[in-house]
Amino acid sequence: MESLRDLYRIGYGPSSSHTMGPRAATEMFIASHPGARKVRAELYGSLAATGKGHLTDKAIRDVLASNGIEAEIFWFPDVEKPLHPNALTLIETEPEVHSDTYYSVGGGKVVREGDEDSGRPDPYPDDRIGTMKRLLDYCDKNGYQIWEAAIEFEGEAILSYMGEVWQVMKDSISRGLEAEGVLPGGLHLQRKACQAYAKAKDFTGPLGNSAKAFAYALAVSEENAGGGKIVTAPTCGSCGVLPGVLYHLMNEYEIPEIRVLRALLTAGMIGSLVKSNGSISGAEVGCQGEVGVACAMAGAAAAQLTGGTIRQIEYAAEMGLEHHLGLTCDPLMGLVQIPCIERNAMACMRAIDHASYALMGDGTHKISFDDVVEVMMETGHALPSLYRETSMGGLARIHEL
C-alpha cells in the first residue's frame, strides 16, 4: 500500500484525474525529453470526453508554454487505451520524434505505460496491512489505534505532512466561505457556501448542528470547482467531505488540532486501502469511488474523534462505501459542479451519521469493509461507460435534452 502522501496530494482543482494528472504527466514528459520544441497531446476515453470541462487542455498547454514548447491537442473520447479510461499520449514532433503514454489512475496519480510495476517501495507491507482485516489484526496484536500503524510504517514525518494537509484544508474552507459569484464554466452556477454559512450561524437545534458542516463542505468543493488550491481526499471531486467533517467536529467539540491530524491519518489509511484493493477513479468505477470513498474516510475520522474503537471506525467506513454503491459519475458539461458539489455536502453529513450509528453499537456487523470494496469494484465495472465520467448519460444527458 502506498504512502499517504500519494493519497493526500496538494494541488489545484477542478479534477485530480483530469487536471492534476495531465499536468503531472506533461511535466514528466518534459523531464524525459528536455529538448522538445513541439508536442502533440492525444487524449483518450474519459480524459477526452470531459477534459475541456476539467481544464485538461489548459493544464497541458500551461506546462508546455512555460517551457517554451508549442502544443497541439487532439481528442479521442470514443477510443480507450487498455490499462485505464484516462489515457494521455504525448508525442514530441520537433526536433525529434518520441512518444509516451500516461494513465491518470485517480487522485492525481500518473503511471507511464511500461512503468506500472516500478517506483519507490510502498511503506505498508501487504502481508500485514494490505486489507482492512489485516490492519485490524495488526492493531489488535500491537494495541494500536489505526493512526499509530501509519506512524510506525511512515515515521513521524507523516504526521508533519498531515499538518501541511490540514492547513491547506482550513485555508480552502476560509476562502470558500468568503467567496461569492459565479463559478467558471457554462453552467453559470452561483457559489452557495458564503450564504449557507451566514444562515447557519442563526440556526438552532438539529439544523444548527448540521448546517455549518454543509457550509464547510460546500466551501471546499466550490474552491475546487473554481480551480483553487485544495487537497485530494481522495480526489478533487470529493475533496470537500473530509475537511467539512473535521472542521465541524473540531469546532463543535473543541478538539485539539493534534487529534485532527491523527484522524487524517486514519482517514488516509481507509482511502489507501480502497485505492490499493479497488479504485478511487470516477472514470473507472463511478462516483462511488470518489464521494463514496470520501464518505468512508470521513466517517472513520468522525468515529475516531468521538471516541470510537477500531472496529467502530471500520463500521463507519464500511457504511460510507456500502451506502454509495452504484453511485454514477455524470457531471453536467463535464464540470466538477453538478451534482458534485451537493454530493460533497450530503456525504459530509452522512459520514457524521455513520459515525453516530457505529458508536451506538460495539462495531460488530455482518458486511466487512473488505467485502464492500470488492463489491464496489464489481459494481463499478458493471456500470456502462455512460455513467463513468464521460458526461454521456444520466444527469449530464438530461441536461443536454
Protein backbone atom coordinates (compact mmCIF):
# COMPACT_ATOMS: atom_id res chain seq x y z
CA MET A 1 0.00 0.00 0.00
CA GLU A 2 1.31 3.42 -0.98
CA SER A 3 2.29 6.29 1.27
CA LEU A 4 -0.49 8.57 2.49
CA ARG A 5 1.41 11.33 0.68
CA ASP A 6 0.22 9.71 -2.54
CA LEU A 7 -3.39 9.89 -1.39
CA TYR A 8 -3.40 13.40 0.06
CA ARG A 9 -2.00 15.46 -2.82
CA ILE A 10 -1.91 19.25 -2.51
CA GLY A 11 -2.73 20.97 -5.78
CA TYR A 12 -5.28 22.89 -7.79
CA GLY A 13 -8.74 21.82 -8.99
CA PRO A 14 -11.06 21.10 -10.53
CA SER A 15 -10.11 17.45 -11.15
CA SER A 16 -7.40 15.21 -9.77
CA SER A 17 -7.62 12.76 -12.69
CA HIS A 18 -8.31 15.28 -15.44
CA THR A 19 -6.35 18.35 -14.31
CA MET A 20 -3.68 17.41 -11.77
CA GLY A 21 -2.85 14.11 -13.51
CA PRO A 22 -2.33 15.51 -17.04
CA ARG A 23 -0.28 18.38 -15.62
CA ALA A 24 1.97 15.89 -13.83
CA ALA A 25 2.21 13.69 -16.93
CA THR A 26 3.28 16.63 -19.08
CA GLU A 27 5.94 17.60 -16.54
CA MET A 28 7.20 14.00 -16.55
CA PHE A 29 7.35 14.00 -20.35
CA ILE A 30 9.35 17.23 -20.49
CA ALA A 31 11.79 15.88 -17.91
CA SER A 32 12.33 12.82 -20.13
CA HIS A 33 12.59 14.85 -23.36
CA PRO A 34 14.10 18.21 -22.36
CA GLY A 35 14.93 19.25 -25.93
CA ALA A 36 11.35 19.14 -27.22
CA ARG A 37 10.12 22.21 -29.12
CA LYS A 38 6.75 20.92 -30.33
CA VAL A 39 4.49 18.35 -28.65
CA ARG A 40 1.27 16.71 -29.79
CA ALA A 41 -1.09 15.65 -26.96
CA GLU A 42 -3.67 12.95 -27.64
CA LEU A 43 -6.40 12.47 -25.03
CA TYR A 44 -8.40 9.23 -24.91
CA GLY A 45 -11.55 7.87 -23.29
CA SER A 46 -12.92 9.69 -20.26
CA LEU A 47 -9.97 12.06 -20.25
CA ALA A 48 -11.10 13.30 -23.66
CA ALA A 49 -14.85 13.12 -23.02
CA THR A 50 -14.84 15.60 -20.12
CA GLY A 51 -11.38 17.08 -20.47
CA LYS A 52 -12.49 20.53 -21.62
CA GLY A 53 -14.80 20.95 -18.66
CA HIS A 54 -11.99 19.86 -16.35
CA LEU A 55 -9.46 22.25 -17.98
CA THR A 56 -7.29 19.35 -19.13
CA ASP A 57 -6.17 21.18 -22.26
CA LYS A 58 -5.33 24.30 -20.23
CA ALA A 59 -3.23 22.29 -17.78
CA ILE A 60 -1.25 20.70 -20.61
CA ARG A 61 -0.81 23.96 -22.54
CA ASP A 62 0.29 25.85 -19.42
CA VAL A 63 3.06 23.37 -18.67
CA LEU A 64 4.27 23.24 -22.27
CA ALA A 65 4.10 27.02 -22.71
CA SER A 66 6.07 27.62 -19.51
CA ASN A 67 8.84 25.53 -21.08
CA GLY A 68 8.69 27.28 -24.45
CA ILE A 69 7.07 24.30 -26.20
CA GLU A 70 4.40 24.60 -28.88
CA ALA A 71 1.32 22.44 -28.21
CA GLU A 72 -1.17 20.58 -30.39
CA ILE A 73 -4.09 18.82 -28.67
CA PHE A 74 -6.37 16.16 -30.14
CA TRP A 75 -9.39 14.50 -28.55
CA PHE A 76 -10.45 10.83 -28.93
CA PRO A 77 -13.36 10.29 -26.50
CA ASP A 78 -14.53 7.09 -28.21
CA VAL A 79 -11.14 5.34 -28.00
CA GLU A 80 -9.96 3.70 -24.80
CA LYS A 81 -6.43 2.54 -24.10
CA PRO A 82 -6.07 -0.89 -22.42
CA LEU A 83 -4.93 -0.01 -18.89
CA HIS A 84 -7.32 2.75 -17.81
CA PRO A 85 -10.07 5.02 -19.23
CA ASN A 86 -7.95 8.13 -18.54
CA ALA A 87 -5.14 7.94 -21.10
CA LEU A 88 -2.84 10.62 -22.48
CA THR A 89 -0.24 10.11 -25.21
CA LEU A 90 2.38 12.84 -25.57
CA ILE A 91 4.41 12.92 -28.78
CA GLU A 92 7.46 15.07 -29.38
CA THR A 93 7.30 16.02 -33.06
CA GLU A 94 10.16 18.53 -33.18
CA PRO A 95 13.13 18.37 -33.27
CA GLU A 96 12.96 14.59 -32.77
CA VAL A 97 10.13 12.10 -32.50
CA HIS A 98 9.41 10.46 -29.16
CA SER A 99 6.17 9.36 -27.54
CA ASP A 100 4.98 8.16 -24.14
CA THR A 101 1.54 7.16 -22.92
CA TYR A 102 0.40 8.03 -19.41
CA TYR A 103 -2.58 6.88 -17.38
CA SER A 104 -4.20 9.17 -14.82
CA VAL A 105 -5.45 6.48 -12.45
CA GLY A 106 -7.18 8.58 -9.80
CA GLY A 107 -6.35 11.04 -7.07
CA GLY A 108 -3.75 12.79 -9.22
CA LYS A 109 -1.54 9.72 -9.59
CA VAL A 110 0.01 9.13 -13.02
CA VAL A 111 1.52 5.91 -14.35
CA ARG A 112 3.62 5.85 -17.51
CA GLU A 113 2.97 2.87 -19.76
CA GLY A 114 5.68 0.31 -19.14
CA ASP A 115 6.40 1.58 -15.63
CA GLU A 116 3.38 0.01 -13.94
CA ASP A 117 5.46 -2.08 -11.55
CA SER A 118 8.29 0.37 -10.93
CA GLY A 119 8.73 3.21 -8.44
CA ARG A 120 9.69 3.60 -4.82
CA PRO A 121 8.81 0.73 -2.44
CA ASP A 122 5.44 1.01 -0.74
CA PRO A 123 5.81 1.64 3.01
CA TYR A 124 2.95 -0.67 4.02
CA PRO A 125 3.60 -4.41 3.61
CA ASP A 126 0.60 -6.17 2.10
CA ASP A 127 1.07 -9.24 4.29
CA ARG A 128 0.47 -7.14 7.42
CA ILE A 129 -1.52 -4.09 6.37
CA GLY A 130 -2.84 -4.85 2.87
CA THR A 131 -6.52 -5.32 3.78
CA MET A 132 -8.77 -3.96 6.50
CA LYS A 133 -8.82 -7.35 8.22
CA ARG A 134 -5.04 -7.48 8.31
CA LEU A 135 -4.86 -3.88 9.51
CA LEU A 136 -7.29 -4.53 12.37
CA ASP A 137 -5.49 -7.73 13.33
CA TYR A 138 -2.19 -5.87 13.32
CA CYS A 139 -3.64 -3.13 15.52
CA ASP A 140 -5.08 -5.74 17.91
CA LYS A 141 -1.73 -7.51 18.17
CA ASN A 142 0.14 -4.29 18.97
CA GLY A 143 -2.53 -2.46 20.94
CA TYR A 144 -2.62 0.27 18.27
CA GLN A 145 -5.16 2.75 17.06
CA ILE A 146 -5.23 2.84 13.26
CA TRP A 147 -3.31 6.11 13.09
CA GLU A 148 -0.47 4.58 15.10
CA ALA A 149 0.11 1.98 12.39
CA ALA A 150 0.54 4.81 9.88
CA ILE A 151 3.23 6.43 12.01
CA GLU A 152 5.00 3.13 12.59
CA PHE A 153 5.40 2.44 8.88
CA GLU A 154 5.89 6.01 7.63
CA GLY A 155 7.63 7.62 10.59
CA GLU A 156 6.80 10.81 12.48
CA ALA A 157 7.33 12.83 9.30
CA ILE A 158 3.93 11.69 8.02
CA LEU A 159 2.29 13.46 10.96
CA SER A 160 4.11 16.65 9.97
CA TYR A 161 2.80 16.24 6.43
CA MET A 162 -0.72 15.93 7.85
CA GLY A 163 -0.11 19.36 9.35
CA GLU A 164 0.51 20.74 5.86
CA VAL A 165 -2.57 18.94 4.55
CA TRP A 166 -4.76 20.30 7.33
CA GLN A 167 -3.55 23.86 6.79
CA VAL A 168 -4.47 23.71 3.10
CA MET A 169 -7.86 22.25 4.00
CA LYS A 170 -8.54 25.03 6.51
CA ASP A 171 -7.42 27.68 4.05
CA SER A 172 -9.75 26.31 1.38
CA ILE A 173 -12.64 26.47 3.84
CA SER A 174 -11.82 30.09 4.74
CA ARG A 175 -11.55 31.18 1.11
CA GLY A 176 -14.68 29.29 0.14
CA LEU A 177 -16.75 30.86 2.92
CA GLU A 178 -15.72 34.34 1.79
CA ALA A 179 -16.01 33.90 -1.98
CA GLU A 180 -19.14 34.82 -3.88
CA GLY A 181 -20.19 34.97 -7.52
CA VAL A 182 -20.49 32.56 -10.43
CA LEU A 183 -18.21 29.56 -10.85
CA PRO A 184 -16.33 29.27 -14.16
CA GLY A 185 -17.80 27.16 -16.94
CA GLY A 186 -21.03 27.15 -18.88
CA LEU A 187 -23.43 26.23 -16.07
CA HIS A 188 -23.40 29.74 -14.55
CA LEU A 189 -23.61 28.17 -11.11
CA GLN A 190 -23.62 30.56 -8.17
CA ARG A 191 -21.45 29.82 -5.15
CA LYS A 192 -23.59 28.96 -2.12
CA ALA A 193 -21.16 28.41 0.76
CA CYS A 194 -21.00 32.04 1.84
CA GLN A 195 -24.77 32.43 2.12
CA ALA A 196 -25.17 28.96 3.63
CA TYR A 197 -22.72 29.81 6.38
CA ALA A 198 -24.37 33.16 7.08
CA LYS A 199 -27.72 31.43 7.53
CA ALA A 200 -26.27 28.52 9.50
CA LYS A 201 -24.99 30.80 12.24
CA ASP A 202 -28.58 31.75 13.08
CA PHE A 203 -29.98 28.21 13.05
CA THR A 204 -30.61 26.34 16.29
CA GLY A 205 -31.32 22.72 17.22
CA PRO A 206 -30.62 19.92 14.73
CA LEU A 207 -30.50 22.34 11.79
CA GLY A 208 -27.90 24.44 13.54
CA ASN A 209 -25.75 21.43 14.28
CA SER A 210 -25.65 20.28 10.68
CA ALA A 211 -25.87 23.45 8.61
CA LYS A 212 -22.34 24.65 9.35
CA ALA A 213 -20.88 21.31 8.26
CA PHE A 214 -22.82 21.65 5.00
CA ALA A 215 -21.30 25.10 4.51
CA TYR A 216 -17.74 23.90 5.16
CA ALA A 217 -18.06 21.07 2.63
CA LEU A 218 -19.60 23.41 0.07
CA ALA A 219 -16.79 25.93 0.61
CA VAL A 220 -14.05 23.44 -0.25
CA SER A 221 -15.94 21.92 -3.19
CA GLU A 222 -16.62 25.34 -4.65
CA GLU A 223 -12.99 26.31 -4.26
CA ASN A 224 -12.07 23.17 -6.18
CA ALA A 225 -14.62 23.91 -8.91
CA GLY A 226 -13.07 27.35 -9.26
CA GLY A 227 -9.58 25.92 -9.70
CA GLY A 228 -8.46 26.81 -6.18
CA LYS A 229 -5.83 25.11 -4.02
CA ILE A 230 -7.17 22.01 -2.30
CA VAL A 231 -6.17 18.54 -1.08
CA THR A 232 -7.29 15.36 -2.82
CA ALA A 233 -9.28 13.41 -0.22
CA PRO A 234 -9.20 11.06 -2.02
CA THR A 235 -9.86 13.10 -5.21
CA CYS A 236 -10.52 16.69 -6.20
CA GLY A 237 -14.16 15.93 -6.97
CA SER A 238 -14.70 14.63 -3.43
CA CYS A 239 -12.34 17.00 -1.62
CA GLY A 240 -14.99 18.75 0.50
CA VAL A 241 -16.28 15.80 2.52
CA LEU A 242 -13.39 15.11 4.90
CA PRO A 243 -12.41 18.73 5.72
CA GLY A 244 -16.09 19.57 6.21
CA VAL A 245 -16.47 16.83 8.82
CA LEU A 246 -13.16 17.52 10.56
CA TYR A 247 -13.61 21.29 10.77
CA HIS A 248 -17.16 20.91 12.06
CA LEU A 249 -16.22 18.41 14.77
CA MET A 250 -13.13 20.37 15.78
CA ASN A 251 -15.22 23.48 16.41
CA GLU A 252 -18.23 21.69 17.85
CA TYR A 253 -16.27 19.67 20.42
CA GLU A 254 -13.20 21.91 20.84
CA ILE A 255 -10.91 19.11 19.64
CA PRO A 256 -7.14 19.80 19.80
CA GLU A 257 -5.50 20.01 16.40
CA ILE A 258 -3.16 17.09 17.07
CA ARG A 259 -6.19 14.81 17.31
CA VAL A 260 -7.42 16.11 13.96
CA LEU A 261 -4.05 15.25 12.40
CA ARG A 262 -4.31 11.72 13.80
CA ALA A 263 -7.83 11.45 12.38
CA LEU A 264 -6.41 12.46 9.00
CA LEU A 265 -4.00 9.53 9.27
CA THR A 266 -6.86 7.14 9.99
CA ALA A 267 -8.94 8.52 7.14
CA GLY A 268 -5.91 8.21 4.88
CA MET A 269 -5.47 4.55 5.77
CA ILE A 270 -9.11 3.94 4.79
CA GLY A 271 -8.70 5.72 1.46
CA SER A 272 -5.42 3.98 0.71
CA LEU A 273 -6.93 0.57 1.35
CA VAL A 274 -9.62 1.30 -1.23
CA LYS A 275 -7.07 2.71 -3.66
CA SER A 276 -4.89 -0.39 -3.26
CA ASN A 277 -7.65 -3.01 -3.44
CA GLY A 278 -10.22 -1.16 -5.53
CA SER A 279 -10.28 2.24 -7.18
CA ILE A 280 -10.82 5.92 -6.41
CA SER A 281 -11.24 6.86 -10.08
CA GLY A 282 -14.64 8.09 -11.24
CA ALA A 283 -13.69 7.11 -14.78
CA GLU A 284 -13.17 3.52 -13.64
CA VAL A 285 -15.91 2.90 -11.03
CA GLY A 286 -18.14 5.98 -10.98
CA CYS A 287 -18.66 8.42 -8.13
CA GLN A 288 -18.85 5.60 -5.58
CA GLY A 289 -15.06 5.58 -5.86
CA GLU A 290 -14.85 9.31 -5.16
CA VAL A 291 -17.65 10.61 -2.93
CA GLY A 292 -18.28 7.10 -1.57
CA VAL A 293 -14.65 6.67 -0.51
CA ALA A 294 -14.55 10.23 0.84
CA CYS A 295 -17.60 9.44 2.97
CA ALA A 296 -15.92 6.28 4.26
CA MET A 297 -12.77 8.23 5.14
CA ALA A 298 -14.73 10.97 6.87
CA GLY A 299 -16.95 8.52 8.76
CA ALA A 300 -13.87 6.74 10.07
CA ALA A 301 -12.29 10.04 11.14
CA ALA A 302 -15.51 11.14 12.86
CA ALA A 303 -15.80 7.85 14.73
CA GLN A 304 -12.23 8.18 15.98
CA LEU A 305 -12.69 11.80 17.10
CA THR A 306 -15.82 10.88 19.04
CA GLY A 307 -14.19 8.01 20.91
CA GLY A 308 -14.80 5.01 18.68
CA THR A 309 -12.87 1.76 18.83
CA ILE A 310 -11.03 0.48 15.77
CA ARG A 311 -13.98 -1.77 14.92
CA GLN A 312 -16.48 1.05 15.26
CA ILE A 313 -14.20 3.06 12.98
CA GLU A 314 -14.19 0.21 10.46
CA TYR A 315 -18.01 0.01 10.67
CA ALA A 316 -18.43 3.73 9.97
CA ALA A 317 -16.09 3.42 6.99
CA GLU A 318 -17.91 0.34 5.69
CA MET A 319 -21.24 2.18 5.75
CA GLY A 320 -19.73 5.09 3.85
CA LEU A 321 -18.93 2.77 0.97
CA GLU A 322 -21.95 0.48 1.24
CA HIS A 323 -24.50 3.27 1.06
CA HIS A 324 -22.89 4.82 -2.01
CA LEU A 325 -22.70 1.59 -4.03
CA GLY A 326 -23.73 2.19 -7.63
CA LEU A 327 -23.33 5.98 -7.48
CA THR A 328 -22.70 7.18 -11.01
CA CYS A 329 -20.34 9.88 -12.23
CA ASP A 330 -22.36 12.02 -14.64
CA PRO A 331 -21.27 15.66 -14.30
CA LEU A 332 -23.14 18.25 -16.32
CA MET A 333 -20.98 19.65 -19.13
CA GLY A 334 -18.03 17.70 -17.69
CA LEU A 335 -17.69 20.28 -14.92
CA VAL A 336 -16.97 19.33 -11.30
CA GLN A 337 -20.04 21.25 -10.18
CA ILE A 338 -23.39 19.49 -10.65
CA PRO A 339 -24.03 17.09 -8.97
CA CYS A 340 -20.53 17.01 -7.45
CA ILE A 341 -20.70 19.99 -5.08
CA GLU A 342 -24.03 18.99 -3.49
CA ARG A 343 -22.85 15.40 -3.19
CA ASN A 344 -19.91 16.55 -1.10
CA ALA A 345 -22.24 18.34 1.31
CA MET A 346 -24.61 15.38 1.57
CA ALA A 347 -21.77 12.90 2.08
CA CYS A 348 -20.34 15.12 4.80
CA MET A 349 -23.50 14.74 6.85
CA ARG A 350 -23.87 11.05 6.05
CA ALA A 351 -20.35 10.47 7.35
CA ILE A 352 -21.28 12.03 10.70
CA ASP A 353 -24.45 9.92 10.80
CA HIS A 354 -22.45 6.77 10.04
CA ALA A 355 -20.10 7.52 12.91
CA SER A 356 -23.04 8.06 15.26
CA TYR A 357 -24.66 4.82 14.16
CA ALA A 358 -21.41 2.86 14.60
CA LEU A 359 -20.89 4.27 18.08
CA MET A 360 -24.35 3.11 19.15
CA GLY A 361 -23.11 -0.49 18.96
CA ASP A 362 -19.86 -2.31 19.61
CA GLY A 363 -18.68 -2.34 15.99
CA THR A 364 -19.98 -5.84 15.23
CA HIS A 365 -21.72 -6.14 11.85
CA LYS A 366 -22.23 -8.64 9.05
CA ILE A 367 -20.69 -7.00 5.97
CA SER A 368 -16.99 -6.26 6.21
CA PHE A 369 -15.19 -3.26 4.75
CA ASP A 370 -13.10 -5.58 2.55
CA ASP A 371 -16.28 -7.19 1.18
CA VAL A 372 -17.73 -3.81 0.22
CA VAL A 373 -14.53 -2.76 -1.57
CA GLU A 374 -14.78 -5.92 -3.65
CA VAL A 375 -18.45 -5.27 -4.43
CA MET A 376 -17.71 -1.63 -5.27
CA MET A 377 -15.25 -2.75 -7.92
CA GLU A 378 -17.70 -5.31 -9.31
CA THR A 379 -20.45 -2.68 -9.41
CA GLY A 380 -18.20 -0.06 -10.96
CA HIS A 381 -17.06 -2.34 -13.77
CA ALA A 382 -20.70 -3.23 -14.45
CA LEU A 383 -21.62 0.43 -14.94
CA PRO A 384 -21.78 1.40 -18.61
CA SER A 385 -19.21 4.00 -19.63
CA LEU A 386 -22.10 6.47 -19.94
CA TYR A 387 -22.06 6.71 -16.15
CA ARG A 388 -18.31 6.77 -15.58
CA GLU A 389 -17.18 10.37 -16.03
CA THR A 390 -17.91 10.68 -19.73
CA SER A 391 -20.90 13.06 -19.34
CA MET A 392 -22.73 10.98 -21.96
CA GLY A 393 -25.56 9.69 -19.76
CA GLY A 394 -27.53 10.20 -16.58
CA LEU A 395 -27.93 13.75 -15.32
CA ALA A 396 -25.47 15.05 -17.90
CA ARG A 397 -27.59 13.69 -20.75
CA ILE A 398 -30.86 15.04 -19.30
CA HIS A 399 -29.29 18.49 -19.08
CA GLU A 400 -28.44 18.37 -22.79
CA LEU A 401 -32.03 17.46 -23.66
